[in-house]
């Protein structure tokens, strides 16, 4: 009889333990779903920002190769997004700006944010002038790439040149 009551007692304890584990798993699953929803919401906000901003946004790896360009850069350049894959930033910069841009790139890779002007030729053959803000992308303490935001200042440059000529 004692063994039976001990068994019943043990079974009751195990059942209570299993119920607690189920409750904990349900709470954990609910927290995971909340975190997933918060992540989706955050991702949606950032995606909207990247897709709707009027500035070009790009990411370069530590070798200067494009790993991301937003639609503004695609439209501005006239090239499809795939064209930028495995292409170096320095391939598209005008010859006269390459040395200066390389200097700024190296400084960003050293962890410093830079602002500079540059120009590049788009697919149509026109020269585009940009004001670029470049910031390092860190993984821990190591710089692994560059985040660039560029604004088209072609009209401003043309206006300045026309002013100087007159």
N, C-alpha and C. Protein backbone atom coordinates (compact mmCIF):
# COMPACT_ATOMS: atom_id res chain seq x y z
N UNK A 1 0.81 -1.19 0.00
CA UNK A 1 0.00 0.00 0.00
C UNK A 1 0.86 1.26 0.00
N UNK A 2 1.93 1.19 0.79
CA UNK A 2 2.83 2.34 0.85
C UNK A 2 3.44 2.63 -0.51
N UNK A 3 3.81 1.57 -1.23
CA UNK A 3 4.41 1.75 -2.54
C UNK A 3 3.43 2.40 -3.51
N UNK A 4 2.14 2.02 -3.41
CA UNK A 4 1.13 2.61 -4.27
C UNK A 4 0.95 4.08 -3.97
N UNK A 5 0.93 4.48 -2.70
CA UNK A 5 0.74 5.89 -2.35
C UNK A 5 1.98 6.69 -2.73
N UNK A 6 3.13 6.09 -2.60
CA UNK A 6 4.36 6.75 -3.02
C UNK A 6 4.34 6.96 -4.53
N UNK A 7 3.90 5.98 -5.26
CA UNK A 7 3.81 6.07 -6.69
C UNK A 7 2.82 7.16 -7.09
N UNK A 8 1.67 7.20 -6.43
CA UNK A 8 0.68 8.24 -6.71
C UNK A 8 1.28 9.62 -6.42
N UNK A 9 1.96 9.73 -5.31
CA UNK A 9 2.59 11.00 -4.94
C UNK A 9 3.64 11.42 -5.97
N UNK A 10 4.46 10.46 -6.40
CA UNK A 10 5.48 10.73 -7.41
C UNK A 10 4.83 11.14 -8.72
N UNK A 11 3.76 10.44 -9.12
CA UNK A 11 3.06 10.78 -10.35
C UNK A 11 2.45 12.18 -10.27
N UNK A 12 1.92 12.54 -9.15
CA UNK A 12 1.34 13.88 -8.97
C UNK A 12 2.43 14.94 -9.09
N UNK A 13 3.59 14.68 -8.50
CA UNK A 13 4.72 15.62 -8.60
C UNK A 13 5.19 15.75 -10.06
N UNK A 14 5.30 14.59 -10.73
CA UNK A 14 5.72 14.63 -12.13
C UNK A 14 4.72 15.36 -13.00
N UNK A 15 3.44 15.15 -12.73
CA UNK A 15 2.39 15.84 -13.48
C UNK A 15 2.47 17.35 -13.24
N UNK A 16 2.68 17.76 -12.01
CA UNK A 16 2.81 19.18 -11.68
C UNK A 16 4.04 19.76 -12.38
N UNK A 17 5.11 19.00 -12.39
CA UNK A 17 6.34 19.43 -13.05
C UNK A 17 6.12 19.57 -14.56
N UNK A 18 5.43 18.62 -15.16
CA UNK A 18 5.15 18.68 -16.59
C UNK A 18 4.24 19.86 -16.92
N UNK A 19 3.25 20.11 -16.08
CA UNK A 19 2.37 21.27 -16.29
C UNK A 19 3.17 22.57 -16.25
N UNK A 20 4.11 22.65 -15.30
CA UNK A 20 4.94 23.85 -15.19
C UNK A 20 5.83 24.01 -16.42
N UNK A 21 6.37 22.91 -16.90
CA UNK A 21 7.20 22.97 -18.10
C UNK A 21 6.39 23.41 -19.32
N UNK A 22 5.17 22.90 -19.42
CA UNK A 22 4.30 23.30 -20.53
C UNK A 22 4.00 24.79 -20.44
N UNK A 23 3.69 25.27 -19.25
CA UNK A 23 3.41 26.69 -19.04
C UNK A 23 4.63 27.54 -19.41
N UNK A 24 5.81 27.08 -18.99
CA UNK A 24 7.05 27.81 -19.32
C UNK A 24 7.28 27.84 -20.83
N UNK A 25 7.04 26.71 -21.50
CA UNK A 25 7.20 26.66 -22.95
C UNK A 25 6.21 27.57 -23.65
N UNK A 26 4.97 27.62 -23.17
CA UNK A 26 3.96 28.50 -23.75
C UNK A 26 4.37 29.96 -23.59
N UNK A 27 4.90 30.31 -22.41
CA UNK A 27 5.37 31.69 -22.19
C UNK A 27 6.54 32.00 -23.12
N UNK A 28 7.46 31.06 -23.23
CA UNK A 28 8.63 31.24 -24.08
C UNK A 28 8.20 31.43 -25.54
N UNK A 29 7.24 30.63 -25.99
CA UNK A 29 6.74 30.73 -27.36
C UNK A 29 6.05 32.08 -27.58
N UNK A 30 5.29 32.54 -26.60
CA UNK A 30 4.62 33.84 -26.71
C UNK A 30 5.66 34.97 -26.78
N UNK A 31 6.71 34.88 -25.99
CA UNK A 31 7.78 35.88 -26.02
C UNK A 31 8.50 35.86 -27.37
N UNK A 32 8.75 34.68 -27.89
CA UNK A 32 9.40 34.55 -29.19
C UNK A 32 8.54 35.19 -30.28
N UNK A 33 7.23 34.95 -30.23
CA UNK A 33 6.32 35.53 -31.23
C UNK A 33 6.30 37.05 -31.12
N UNK A 34 6.30 37.58 -29.87
CA UNK A 34 6.34 39.04 -29.69
C UNK A 34 7.63 39.62 -30.25
N UNK A 35 8.74 38.95 -29.98
CA UNK A 35 10.04 39.41 -30.49
C UNK A 35 10.07 39.35 -32.02
N UNK A 36 9.51 38.30 -32.58
CA UNK A 36 9.45 38.16 -34.03
C UNK A 36 8.61 39.27 -34.66
N UNK A 37 7.48 39.58 -34.04
CA UNK A 37 6.62 40.67 -34.54
C UNK A 37 7.34 42.02 -34.44
N UNK A 38 8.03 42.24 -33.33
CA UNK A 38 8.78 43.50 -33.14
C UNK A 38 9.88 43.60 -34.19
N UNK A 39 10.53 42.50 -34.49
CA UNK A 39 11.58 42.48 -35.51
C UNK A 39 11.00 42.78 -36.89
N UNK A 40 9.85 42.18 -37.21
CA UNK A 40 9.19 42.44 -38.50
C UNK A 40 8.81 43.91 -38.61
N UNK A 41 8.29 44.47 -37.53
CA UNK A 41 7.90 45.88 -37.54
C UNK A 41 9.12 46.77 -37.75
N UNK A 42 10.19 46.48 -37.02
CA UNK A 42 11.41 47.26 -37.14
C UNK A 42 11.99 47.13 -38.55
N UNK A 43 12.01 45.92 -39.06
CA UNK A 43 12.53 45.69 -40.41
C UNK A 43 11.69 46.45 -41.43
N UNK A 44 10.38 46.47 -41.24
CA UNK A 44 9.50 47.21 -42.15
C UNK A 44 9.79 48.70 -42.14
N UNK A 45 10.04 49.25 -40.96
CA UNK A 45 10.36 50.68 -40.85
C UNK A 45 11.65 51.00 -41.59
N UNK A 46 12.68 50.19 -41.36
CA UNK A 46 13.96 50.43 -42.01
C UNK A 46 13.87 50.22 -43.52
N UNK A 47 13.14 49.20 -43.94
CA UNK A 47 12.97 48.96 -45.37
C UNK A 47 12.26 50.15 -46.02
N UNK A 48 11.24 50.66 -45.35
CA UNK A 48 10.52 51.82 -45.86
C UNK A 48 11.44 53.04 -45.96
N UNK A 49 12.25 53.23 -44.94
CA UNK A 49 13.21 54.33 -44.94
C UNK A 49 14.17 54.22 -46.12
N UNK A 50 14.76 53.06 -46.29
CA UNK A 50 15.74 52.83 -47.36
C UNK A 50 15.10 52.99 -48.73
N UNK A 51 13.86 52.51 -48.87
CA UNK A 51 13.21 52.55 -50.18
C UNK A 51 12.65 53.93 -50.53
N UNK A 52 12.36 54.75 -49.52
CA UNK A 52 11.70 56.03 -49.79
C UNK A 52 12.59 57.26 -49.63
N UNK A 53 13.76 57.09 -49.09
CA UNK A 53 14.65 58.24 -48.93
C UNK A 53 15.12 58.69 -50.32
N UNK A 54 15.39 59.95 -50.49
CA UNK A 54 15.79 60.47 -51.79
C UNK A 54 17.30 60.43 -52.01
N UNK A 55 18.05 59.97 -51.02
CA UNK A 55 19.50 59.85 -51.13
C UNK A 55 19.87 58.41 -51.50
N UNK A 56 21.01 58.29 -52.16
CA UNK A 56 21.53 56.97 -52.47
C UNK A 56 22.17 56.37 -51.22
N UNK A 57 21.90 55.12 -50.96
CA UNK A 57 22.49 54.43 -49.82
C UNK A 57 23.16 53.17 -50.34
N UNK A 58 24.38 52.95 -49.89
CA UNK A 58 25.12 51.77 -50.33
C UNK A 58 25.99 51.26 -49.20
N UNK A 59 26.37 50.00 -49.34
CA UNK A 59 27.29 49.37 -48.39
C UNK A 59 28.43 48.76 -49.19
N UNK A 60 29.65 49.00 -48.72
CA UNK A 60 30.84 48.42 -49.33
C UNK A 60 31.48 47.48 -48.33
N UNK A 61 32.10 46.41 -48.83
CA UNK A 61 32.88 45.56 -47.93
C UNK A 61 34.25 46.21 -47.71
N UNK A 62 35.11 45.55 -46.99
CA UNK A 62 36.41 46.14 -46.65
C UNK A 62 37.34 46.27 -47.85
N UNK A 63 36.97 45.69 -48.99
CA UNK A 63 37.75 45.81 -50.21
C UNK A 63 37.19 46.87 -51.16
N UNK A 64 36.08 47.49 -50.75
CA UNK A 64 35.46 48.52 -51.57
C UNK A 64 34.45 47.99 -52.57
N UNK A 65 34.06 46.71 -52.44
CA UNK A 65 33.06 46.15 -53.34
C UNK A 65 31.66 46.37 -52.79
N UNK A 66 30.73 46.66 -53.70
CA UNK A 66 29.35 46.88 -53.30
C UNK A 66 28.73 45.59 -52.78
N UNK A 67 28.05 45.70 -51.64
CA UNK A 67 27.25 44.57 -51.14
C UNK A 67 25.78 44.95 -51.07
N UNK A 68 25.49 46.24 -51.21
CA UNK A 68 24.10 46.72 -51.23
C UNK A 68 24.03 48.09 -51.89
N UNK A 69 23.02 48.30 -52.71
CA UNK A 69 22.68 49.63 -53.22
C UNK A 69 21.16 49.75 -53.17
N UNK A 70 20.66 50.93 -52.80
CA UNK A 70 19.21 51.10 -52.80
C UNK A 70 18.73 51.51 -54.18
N UNK A 71 17.41 51.59 -54.34
CA UNK A 71 16.81 51.88 -55.63
C UNK A 71 17.20 53.26 -56.17
N UNK A 72 17.49 54.20 -55.30
CA UNK A 72 17.88 55.54 -55.75
C UNK A 72 19.17 55.45 -56.56
N UNK A 73 20.12 54.66 -56.09
CA UNK A 73 21.38 54.50 -56.82
C UNK A 73 21.14 53.81 -58.15
N UNK A 74 20.28 52.81 -58.16
CA UNK A 74 19.97 52.09 -59.40
C UNK A 74 19.34 53.06 -60.40
N UNK A 75 18.35 53.82 -59.98
CA UNK A 75 17.69 54.77 -60.88
C UNK A 75 18.64 55.88 -61.32
N UNK A 76 19.41 56.39 -60.38
CA UNK A 76 20.33 57.50 -60.65
C UNK A 76 21.41 57.09 -61.66
N UNK A 77 21.92 55.88 -61.50
CA UNK A 77 23.03 55.43 -62.34
C UNK A 77 22.58 54.94 -63.71
N UNK A 78 21.36 54.40 -63.76
CA UNK A 78 20.89 53.81 -65.01
C UNK A 78 21.27 52.35 -65.16
N UNK A 79 22.01 51.82 -64.20
CA UNK A 79 22.41 50.41 -64.24
C UNK A 79 21.49 49.58 -63.35
N UNK A 80 21.25 48.32 -63.71
CA UNK A 80 20.45 47.46 -62.84
C UNK A 80 21.22 47.13 -61.55
N UNK A 81 20.50 46.76 -60.51
CA UNK A 81 21.12 46.46 -59.22
C UNK A 81 22.21 45.38 -59.36
N UNK A 82 21.97 44.40 -60.23
CA UNK A 82 22.94 43.30 -60.41
C UNK A 82 24.28 43.80 -60.95
N UNK A 83 24.24 44.91 -61.67
CA UNK A 83 25.46 45.47 -62.25
C UNK A 83 26.47 45.81 -61.16
N UNK A 84 25.97 46.18 -59.98
CA UNK A 84 26.86 46.58 -58.89
C UNK A 84 27.49 45.39 -58.17
N UNK A 85 26.90 44.21 -58.32
CA UNK A 85 27.42 43.02 -57.64
C UNK A 85 28.86 42.76 -58.04
N UNK A 86 29.69 42.56 -57.06
CA UNK A 86 31.12 42.29 -57.27
C UNK A 86 31.85 43.40 -58.02
N UNK A 87 31.27 44.58 -58.06
CA UNK A 87 31.93 45.72 -58.69
C UNK A 87 32.50 46.60 -57.59
N UNK A 88 33.66 47.13 -57.82
CA UNK A 88 34.30 48.00 -56.84
C UNK A 88 33.77 49.42 -56.98
N UNK A 89 33.68 50.08 -55.86
CA UNK A 89 33.28 51.48 -55.81
C UNK A 89 34.21 52.32 -56.68
N UNK A 90 35.47 51.94 -56.70
CA UNK A 90 36.49 52.71 -57.43
C UNK A 90 36.36 52.54 -58.94
N UNK A 91 35.64 51.51 -59.38
CA UNK A 91 35.41 51.31 -60.82
C UNK A 91 34.49 52.38 -61.40
N UNK A 92 33.64 52.97 -60.57
CA UNK A 92 32.66 53.91 -61.10
C UNK A 92 33.01 55.37 -60.84
N UNK A 93 34.00 55.61 -59.99
CA UNK A 93 34.39 56.98 -59.66
C UNK A 93 35.16 57.58 -60.83
N UNK A 94 34.95 58.88 -61.07
CA UNK A 94 35.68 59.53 -62.15
C UNK A 94 37.18 59.49 -61.84
N UNK A 95 37.96 59.43 -62.90
CA UNK A 95 39.42 59.32 -62.79
C UNK A 95 40.00 60.40 -61.88
N UNK A 96 39.52 61.63 -62.02
CA UNK A 96 40.09 62.74 -61.25
C UNK A 96 39.81 62.63 -59.74
N UNK A 97 38.80 61.86 -59.35
CA UNK A 97 38.45 61.75 -57.93
C UNK A 97 38.96 60.48 -57.26
N UNK A 98 39.52 59.56 -58.02
CA UNK A 98 39.87 58.25 -57.46
C UNK A 98 40.87 58.33 -56.32
N UNK A 99 41.91 59.10 -56.48
CA UNK A 99 42.94 59.19 -55.43
C UNK A 99 42.34 59.75 -54.14
N UNK A 100 41.55 60.80 -54.25
CA UNK A 100 40.92 61.42 -53.10
C UNK A 100 39.93 60.45 -52.43
N UNK A 101 39.13 59.78 -53.24
CA UNK A 101 38.15 58.83 -52.70
C UNK A 101 38.87 57.66 -52.02
N UNK A 102 39.99 57.20 -52.58
CA UNK A 102 40.76 56.13 -51.95
C UNK A 102 41.26 56.57 -50.58
N UNK A 103 41.69 57.82 -50.47
CA UNK A 103 42.15 58.37 -49.19
C UNK A 103 41.01 58.35 -48.16
N UNK A 104 39.84 58.81 -48.58
CA UNK A 104 38.69 58.82 -47.67
C UNK A 104 38.25 57.41 -47.29
N UNK A 105 38.29 56.51 -48.27
CA UNK A 105 37.93 55.11 -48.01
C UNK A 105 38.86 54.53 -46.94
N UNK A 106 40.16 54.77 -47.08
CA UNK A 106 41.13 54.26 -46.10
C UNK A 106 40.86 54.84 -44.71
N UNK A 107 40.50 56.12 -44.65
CA UNK A 107 40.21 56.74 -43.36
C UNK A 107 38.96 56.13 -42.72
N UNK A 108 37.96 55.84 -43.54
CA UNK A 108 36.76 55.19 -43.01
C UNK A 108 37.11 53.79 -42.51
N UNK A 109 37.96 53.08 -43.24
CA UNK A 109 38.38 51.74 -42.81
C UNK A 109 39.21 51.82 -41.52
N UNK A 110 39.75 53.00 -41.23
CA UNK A 110 40.46 53.22 -39.96
C UNK A 110 39.50 53.65 -38.85
N UNK A 111 38.19 53.71 -39.18
CA UNK A 111 37.19 53.99 -38.15
C UNK A 111 36.68 55.41 -38.10
N UNK A 112 37.03 56.23 -39.08
CA UNK A 112 36.62 57.65 -39.08
C UNK A 112 35.50 57.88 -40.08
N UNK A 113 34.53 58.68 -39.70
CA UNK A 113 33.46 59.09 -40.62
C UNK A 113 33.97 60.22 -41.50
N UNK A 114 33.60 60.20 -42.77
CA UNK A 114 34.08 61.20 -43.72
C UNK A 114 32.93 61.78 -44.53
N UNK A 115 33.08 63.04 -44.94
CA UNK A 115 32.15 63.70 -45.86
C UNK A 115 32.99 64.27 -47.00
N UNK A 116 32.60 63.95 -48.23
CA UNK A 116 33.39 64.41 -49.38
C UNK A 116 32.51 64.46 -50.62
N UNK A 117 32.97 65.19 -51.61
CA UNK A 117 32.30 65.27 -52.91
C UNK A 117 33.05 64.40 -53.90
N UNK A 118 32.30 63.84 -54.85
CA UNK A 118 32.90 63.04 -55.90
C UNK A 118 32.00 63.10 -57.12
N UNK A 119 32.50 62.61 -58.22
CA UNK A 119 31.68 62.54 -59.42
C UNK A 119 31.90 61.20 -60.10
N UNK A 120 30.85 60.75 -60.79
CA UNK A 120 30.98 59.53 -61.58
C UNK A 120 30.07 59.61 -62.79
N UNK A 121 30.43 58.83 -63.79
CA UNK A 121 29.69 58.82 -65.03
C UNK A 121 28.60 57.76 -64.97
N UNK A 122 27.37 58.19 -65.22
CA UNK A 122 26.25 57.25 -65.22
C UNK A 122 26.14 56.59 -66.59
N UNK A 123 25.26 55.61 -66.72
CA UNK A 123 25.14 54.84 -67.95
C UNK A 123 24.87 55.71 -69.17
N UNK A 124 24.12 56.79 -69.00
CA UNK A 124 23.79 57.69 -70.12
C UNK A 124 25.00 58.48 -70.61
N UNK A 125 26.09 58.48 -69.83
CA UNK A 125 27.28 59.23 -70.19
C UNK A 125 27.40 60.55 -69.44
N UNK A 126 26.33 60.97 -68.79
CA UNK A 126 26.36 62.22 -68.02
C UNK A 126 27.22 62.05 -66.77
N UNK A 127 27.79 63.15 -66.33
CA UNK A 127 28.58 63.15 -65.11
C UNK A 127 27.68 63.57 -63.95
N UNK A 128 27.69 62.80 -62.90
CA UNK A 128 26.86 63.06 -61.72
C UNK A 128 27.78 63.48 -60.59
N UNK A 129 27.43 64.55 -59.90
CA UNK A 129 28.20 65.02 -58.76
C UNK A 129 27.45 64.67 -57.48
N UNK A 130 28.18 64.11 -56.52
CA UNK A 130 27.56 63.66 -55.28
C UNK A 130 28.29 64.20 -54.06
N UNK A 131 27.51 64.49 -53.03
CA UNK A 131 28.08 64.74 -51.71
C UNK A 131 27.86 63.44 -50.95
N UNK A 132 28.93 62.88 -50.44
CA UNK A 132 28.87 61.56 -49.83
C UNK A 132 29.27 61.61 -48.36
N UNK A 133 28.46 60.95 -47.54
CA UNK A 133 28.76 60.75 -46.12
C UNK A 133 29.08 59.27 -45.98
N UNK A 134 30.27 58.97 -45.49
CA UNK A 134 30.71 57.59 -45.36
C UNK A 134 31.08 57.29 -43.91
N UNK A 135 30.52 56.20 -43.39
CA UNK A 135 30.76 55.82 -42.00
C UNK A 135 31.19 54.36 -41.95
N UNK A 136 32.06 54.04 -41.00
CA UNK A 136 32.50 52.65 -40.87
C UNK A 136 31.39 51.75 -40.33
N UNK A 137 31.41 50.50 -40.75
CA UNK A 137 30.53 49.47 -40.20
C UNK A 137 31.42 48.58 -39.36
N UNK A 138 31.05 48.46 -38.10
CA UNK A 138 31.87 47.69 -37.15
C UNK A 138 31.27 46.32 -36.89
N UNK A 139 32.16 45.36 -36.67
CA UNK A 139 31.80 44.07 -36.11
C UNK A 139 32.70 43.93 -34.89
N UNK A 140 32.13 44.22 -33.73
CA UNK A 140 32.96 44.34 -32.53
C UNK A 140 33.81 45.58 -32.68
N UNK A 141 35.11 45.45 -32.53
CA UNK A 141 36.02 46.59 -32.66
C UNK A 141 36.60 46.70 -34.08
N UNK A 142 36.30 45.72 -34.93
CA UNK A 142 36.89 45.66 -36.26
C UNK A 142 35.97 46.32 -37.29
N UNK A 143 36.54 47.15 -38.17
CA UNK A 143 35.78 47.75 -39.27
C UNK A 143 35.69 46.72 -40.39
N UNK A 144 34.46 46.39 -40.78
CA UNK A 144 34.26 45.36 -41.82
C UNK A 144 33.70 45.93 -43.12
N UNK A 145 33.40 47.22 -43.11
CA UNK A 145 32.84 47.80 -44.32
C UNK A 145 32.51 49.27 -44.14
N UNK A 146 31.76 49.78 -45.09
CA UNK A 146 31.44 51.20 -45.13
C UNK A 146 29.98 51.36 -45.50
N UNK A 147 29.31 52.25 -44.79
CA UNK A 147 27.94 52.64 -45.11
C UNK A 147 28.01 54.03 -45.71
N UNK A 148 27.53 54.18 -46.94
CA UNK A 148 27.59 55.45 -47.62
C UNK A 148 26.19 55.99 -47.91
N UNK A 149 26.05 57.30 -47.76
CA UNK A 149 24.83 58.00 -48.13
C UNK A 149 25.25 59.13 -49.05
N UNK A 150 24.70 59.13 -50.26
CA UNK A 150 25.12 60.14 -51.23
C UNK A 150 23.92 60.96 -51.71
N UNK A 151 24.17 62.24 -51.83
CA UNK A 151 23.14 63.19 -52.29
C UNK A 151 23.59 63.78 -53.62
N UNK A 152 22.68 63.81 -54.57
CA UNK A 152 22.96 64.37 -55.88
C UNK A 152 23.06 65.89 -55.76
N UNK A 153 24.25 66.42 -56.07
CA UNK A 153 24.47 67.87 -56.02
C UNK A 153 24.86 68.40 -57.40
N UNK A 154 24.46 67.66 -58.44
CA UNK A 154 24.82 68.04 -59.81
C UNK A 154 24.30 69.43 -60.15
N UNK A 155 23.04 69.71 -59.87
CA UNK A 155 22.47 71.02 -60.19
C UNK A 155 23.21 72.13 -59.44
N UNK A 156 23.52 71.89 -58.18
CA UNK A 156 24.25 72.89 -57.39
C UNK A 156 25.62 73.16 -58.00
N UNK A 157 26.32 72.09 -58.40
CA UNK A 157 27.65 72.23 -59.02
C UNK A 157 27.54 73.00 -60.33
N UNK A 158 26.54 72.69 -61.13
CA UNK A 158 26.35 73.39 -62.41
C UNK A 158 26.06 74.87 -62.16
N UNK A 159 25.26 75.16 -61.15
CA UNK A 159 24.94 76.54 -60.80
C UNK A 159 26.20 77.29 -60.34
N UNK A 160 27.01 76.62 -59.52
CA UNK A 160 28.27 77.23 -59.04
C UNK A 160 29.20 77.52 -60.21
N UNK A 161 29.31 76.59 -61.14
CA UNK A 161 30.17 76.77 -62.31
C UNK A 161 29.66 77.92 -63.19
N UNK A 162 28.34 77.99 -63.35
CA UNK A 162 27.77 79.07 -64.16
C UNK A 162 28.01 80.43 -63.48
N UNK A 163 27.93 80.46 -62.16
CA UNK A 163 28.19 81.68 -61.41
C UNK A 163 29.63 82.13 -61.58
N UNK A 164 30.55 81.17 -61.50
CA UNK A 164 31.96 81.50 -61.66
C UNK A 164 32.26 82.01 -63.07
N UNK A 165 31.63 81.41 -64.06
CA UNK A 165 31.85 81.85 -65.44
C UNK A 165 31.34 83.26 -65.68
N UNK A 166 30.23 83.60 -65.02
CA UNK A 166 29.68 84.95 -65.23
C UNK A 166 30.38 85.92 -64.31
